Amino acid sequence: MKSQLTNHRVDLQDCTIFYQQSRLESSSIPILLLHGWGISTEPYQEVLKLLAQHHTIIAPDLPSFRRSTYSGLLPDYLSYSKCLLSFLEVLDLQQFHLVGHSFGGGIAITLSTLVPEKVRSVILIDSTGIPTPFIPEMIPRRAIEMTAQLFLPRRRLKLVDIPLVFSYNLLFNTKNAIQGLLISLYEDISHLLPEIQAPCLLLWSLLTVLKLLFQKLWLYNCLAT
């Protein structure tokens, strides 16, 4: 079955949301996919097209990332969630499934507690929402992760597509790109987890598990020297 994604935009009071959507089926509850920090929906095209073969997909660029604009500074997950709520009201979505990757996971957690009656299920993929160590401690971890990613398939995605989108956001959406990073690193929304009423699936990739293992080995070596 051939999938079809079309481009759309919604103009709100203080932002414009660009999004991709597959054909809406009256019998299908849409899947709302929220992308990770610093990028957009563009690196997810292969996944989106596969999902769109069997499901209704709505995939927005988050406010202030890539093709979605925002006039001010978004200070926390709640601010992003409120923007998306306005977006969903325009689309008149009464129910939806939530998929949040990385930074999008923190937003998905918050969003699911704001409108629990509308969220049918939640999938969190390597989600943020629990503070990480200080930046000097994080740098070696990120270096290990990025090195490991070079050995995975889809080299064009890693070496061309993602860097292009990431560079665009840093150049043209600088304030919210930096603020989004700080939110990802330091905002703690673990207290919201018990409030999620919908069935929730937590996915933690093998790469992340390996990264944590290397981190522990690195820390052990530091303590031993």
Protein backbone atom coordinates (compact mmCIF):
# COMPACT_ATOMS: atom_id res chain seq x y z
CA MET A 1 0.00 0.00 0.00
CA LYS A 2 1.43 3.35 -1.01
CA SER A 3 1.59 5.97 1.73
CA GLN A 4 0.89 9.62 1.08
CA LEU A 5 2.01 12.48 3.28
CA THR A 6 0.89 16.01 2.52
CA ASN A 7 2.18 19.32 3.88
CA HIS A 8 -0.02 21.73 5.81
CA ARG A 9 0.23 24.73 8.12
CA VAL A 10 -1.85 26.25 10.87
CA ASP A 11 -1.53 29.94 11.76
CA LEU A 12 -2.07 30.60 15.47
CA GLN A 13 -1.93 33.84 17.44
CA ASP A 14 1.78 33.70 18.26
CA CYS A 15 3.10 30.92 16.04
CA THR A 16 2.72 29.02 12.81
CA ILE A 17 2.77 25.23 12.92
CA PHE A 18 3.92 23.32 9.84
CA TYR A 19 2.89 19.68 9.80
CA GLN A 20 2.70 16.60 7.65
CA GLN A 21 -0.38 14.45 7.53
CA SER A 22 -1.46 11.22 5.93
CA ARG A 23 -5.02 10.75 4.73
CA LEU A 24 -7.50 11.03 7.59
CA GLU A 25 -9.56 7.89 8.01
CA SER A 26 -12.81 8.21 9.92
CA SER A 27 -12.22 4.82 11.53
CA SER A 28 -8.61 5.55 12.49
CA ILE A 29 -7.47 7.43 15.60
CA PRO A 30 -4.56 9.66 14.49
CA ILE A 31 -1.01 9.19 15.73
CA LEU A 32 0.60 12.47 16.76
CA LEU A 33 4.38 12.18 16.41
CA LEU A 34 6.60 14.68 18.24
CA HIS A 35 10.21 14.86 17.06
CA GLY A 36 13.43 15.26 19.05
CA TRP A 37 15.41 18.35 20.00
CA GLY A 38 17.18 20.46 17.40
CA ILE A 39 15.64 18.86 14.32
CA SER A 40 12.19 18.53 12.72
CA THR A 41 10.00 15.93 11.04
CA GLU A 42 12.37 15.77 8.04
CA PRO A 43 14.73 13.05 9.37
CA TYR A 44 11.71 10.86 10.20
CA GLN A 45 10.40 10.56 6.64
CA GLU A 46 11.08 6.85 6.20
CA VAL A 47 9.34 5.99 9.47
CA LEU A 48 6.43 8.34 8.77
CA LYS A 49 5.80 6.85 5.34
CA LEU A 50 5.82 3.31 6.73
CA LEU A 51 3.39 4.24 9.50
CA ALA A 52 1.18 6.14 7.07
CA GLN A 53 0.54 2.95 5.11
CA HIS A 54 -1.70 1.69 7.91
CA HIS A 55 -2.38 4.65 10.22
CA THR A 56 -3.40 8.27 10.16
CA ILE A 57 -0.27 10.30 10.95
CA ILE A 58 0.05 13.91 12.07
CA ALA A 59 3.67 15.04 12.45
CA PRO A 60 4.28 18.73 13.26
CA ASP A 61 7.54 20.60 13.37
CA LEU A 62 7.56 21.74 16.99
CA PRO A 63 7.11 25.49 17.54
CA SER A 64 10.31 27.41 16.68
CA PHE A 65 11.93 24.41 14.96
CA ARG A 66 12.57 24.35 11.20
CA ARG A 67 9.37 25.33 9.38
CA SER A 68 7.27 26.17 12.46
CA THR A 69 7.76 29.67 13.82
CA TYR A 70 7.24 31.19 17.26
CA SER A 71 7.46 34.86 18.17
CA GLY A 72 8.95 34.51 21.66
CA LEU A 73 10.91 32.18 23.93
CA LEU A 74 9.42 28.85 25.01
CA PRO A 75 10.70 28.28 28.57
CA ASP A 76 9.43 24.78 29.40
CA TYR A 77 7.57 21.65 28.32
CA LEU A 78 4.28 23.20 29.40
CA SER A 79 4.68 26.09 26.96
CA TYR A 80 5.28 23.70 24.07
CA SER A 81 2.31 21.60 25.14
CA LYS A 82 -0.02 24.61 25.24
CA CYS A 83 1.04 25.59 21.71
CA LEU A 84 0.29 22.09 20.52
CA LEU A 85 -3.08 22.12 22.29
CA SER A 86 -4.05 25.22 20.31
CA PHE A 87 -2.85 23.45 17.16
CA LEU A 88 -4.93 20.34 17.97
CA GLU A 89 -8.00 22.46 18.66
CA VAL A 90 -7.77 23.92 15.15
CA LEU A 91 -7.55 20.38 13.74
CA ASP A 92 -10.49 19.39 15.97
CA LEU A 93 -8.80 16.18 17.12
CA GLN A 94 -10.95 14.62 19.82
CA GLN A 95 -8.67 11.63 20.43
CA PHE A 96 -5.17 10.66 19.37
CA HIS A 97 -2.21 8.43 20.14
CA LEU A 98 1.02 10.14 21.21
CA VAL A 99 4.53 9.19 20.13
CA GLY A 100 7.33 11.33 21.56
CA HIS A 101 11.01 10.93 20.73
CA SER A 102 13.66 12.48 23.01
CA PHE A 103 12.62 16.13 23.57
CA GLY A 104 9.25 15.28 22.05
CA GLY A 105 8.85 12.67 24.77
CA GLY A 106 9.00 15.31 27.50
CA ILE A 107 6.31 17.27 25.65
CA ALA A 108 4.23 14.11 25.19
CA ILE A 109 4.34 13.42 28.94
CA THR A 110 3.15 16.95 29.71
CA LEU A 111 0.52 16.98 26.98
CA SER A 112 -0.93 13.65 28.09
CA THR A 113 -1.55 15.04 31.59
CA LEU A 114 -3.23 18.21 30.28
CA VAL A 115 -5.86 16.41 28.18
CA PRO A 116 -5.99 12.82 29.50
CA GLU A 117 -9.45 12.34 28.02
CA LYS A 118 -8.07 12.78 24.50
CA VAL A 119 -4.90 10.68 24.71
CA ARG A 120 -5.55 7.01 23.91
CA SER A 121 -1.95 5.79 24.34
CA VAL A 122 1.58 7.13 24.83
CA ILE A 123 4.86 5.82 23.39
CA LEU A 124 8.03 7.41 24.78
CA ILE A 125 11.25 6.77 22.83
CA ASP A 126 14.45 7.72 24.67
CA SER A 127 12.39 10.42 26.32
CA THR A 128 13.67 13.45 28.19
CA GLY A 129 11.97 14.71 31.34
CA ILE A 130 14.38 13.60 34.06
CA PRO A 131 17.41 15.88 34.60
CA THR A 132 20.80 14.72 33.36
CA PRO A 133 24.20 15.46 34.92
CA PHE A 134 25.91 18.80 34.42
CA ILE A 135 27.23 19.61 30.95
CA PRO A 136 30.92 18.77 31.75
CA GLU A 137 29.79 15.28 32.77
CA MET A 138 27.53 14.95 29.74
CA ILE A 139 30.13 15.78 27.06
CA PRO A 140 31.95 12.39 27.24
CA ARG A 141 28.60 10.60 27.19
CA ARG A 142 27.45 12.43 24.08
CA ALA A 143 30.82 11.81 22.39
CA ILE A 144 30.42 8.07 22.97
CA GLU A 145 26.88 8.09 21.63
CA MET A 146 27.76 10.04 18.47
CA THR A 147 30.73 7.77 17.77
CA ALA A 148 28.57 4.66 18.14
CA GLN A 149 25.95 6.09 15.77
CA LEU A 150 28.49 6.25 12.95
CA PHE A 151 28.45 2.45 12.77
CA LEU A 152 24.68 2.27 12.26
CA PRO A 153 23.03 2.20 8.79
CA ARG A 154 21.48 5.23 7.02
CA ARG A 155 24.70 7.23 6.70
CA ARG A 156 23.11 9.97 4.61
CA LEU A 157 20.53 10.50 7.34
CA LYS A 158 23.25 10.84 10.00
CA LEU A 159 25.86 12.74 8.00
CA VAL A 160 23.70 14.95 5.76
CA ASP A 161 19.99 15.17 6.59
CA ILE A 162 20.17 15.59 10.36
CA PRO A 163 23.17 18.01 10.32
CA LEU A 164 21.41 20.23 7.75
CA VAL A 165 18.23 20.56 9.81
CA PHE A 166 20.18 20.92 13.04
CA SER A 167 22.38 23.68 11.55
CA TYR A 168 19.32 25.54 10.30
CA ASN A 169 17.74 25.55 13.76
CA LEU A 170 20.94 26.73 15.42
CA LEU A 171 21.34 29.56 12.90
CA PHE A 172 17.74 30.76 12.58
CA ASN A 173 16.00 29.55 15.76
CA THR A 174 18.98 30.02 18.06
CA LYS A 175 17.26 31.17 21.27
CA ASN A 176 14.69 28.41 21.38
CA ALA A 177 17.20 25.82 20.19
CA ILE A 178 19.45 26.62 23.15
CA GLN A 179 16.50 26.91 25.52
CA GLY A 180 15.19 23.56 24.28
CA LEU A 181 18.53 21.97 25.11
CA LEU A 182 18.41 23.39 28.64
CA ILE A 183 14.86 22.11 29.07
CA SER A 184 15.96 18.66 27.90
CA LEU A 185 18.89 18.59 30.30
CA TYR A 186 17.46 20.12 33.43
CA GLU A 187 13.64 20.25 33.59
CA ASP A 188 12.29 17.53 35.86
CA ILE A 189 8.76 16.36 35.05
CA SER A 190 9.05 12.94 36.70
CA HIS A 191 6.25 13.99 39.06
CA LEU A 192 3.88 13.95 36.06
CA LEU A 193 4.48 10.29 35.23
CA PRO A 194 1.93 8.93 37.75
CA GLU A 195 -0.68 11.24 36.20
CA ILE A 196 -0.55 9.57 32.79
CA GLN A 197 -3.83 7.70 32.51
CA ALA A 198 -3.40 6.18 29.04
CA PRO A 199 -1.47 2.94 28.40
CA CYS A 200 2.20 3.91 28.10
CA LEU A 201 5.07 2.13 26.35
CA LEU A 202 8.62 3.17 27.23
CA LEU A 203 11.26 2.36 24.62
CA TRP A 204 14.94 2.58 25.49
CA SER A 205 17.21 1.76 22.55
CA LEU A 206 20.10 -0.67 22.58
CA LEU A 207 22.34 2.24 21.64
CA THR A 208 21.25 4.06 24.77
CA VAL A 209 21.87 1.00 26.92
CA LEU A 210 25.36 0.63 25.43
CA LYS A 211 25.97 4.32 26.00
CA LEU A 212 25.08 3.95 29.67
CA LEU A 213 27.38 0.95 29.95
CA PHE A 214 30.30 2.91 28.46
CA GLN A 215 29.48 5.81 30.75
CA LYS A 216 29.73 3.57 33.81
CA LEU A 217 33.03 2.16 32.58
CA TRP A 218 34.34 5.66 31.94
CA LEU A 219 33.27 6.79 35.42
CA TYR A 220 34.84 3.69 36.99
CA ASN A 221 38.14 4.39 35.22
CA CYS A 222 38.05 8.01 36.38
CA LEU A 223 37.50 6.97 39.98
CA ALA A 224 40.20 4.31 39.77
CA THR A 225 42.90 6.74 38.58
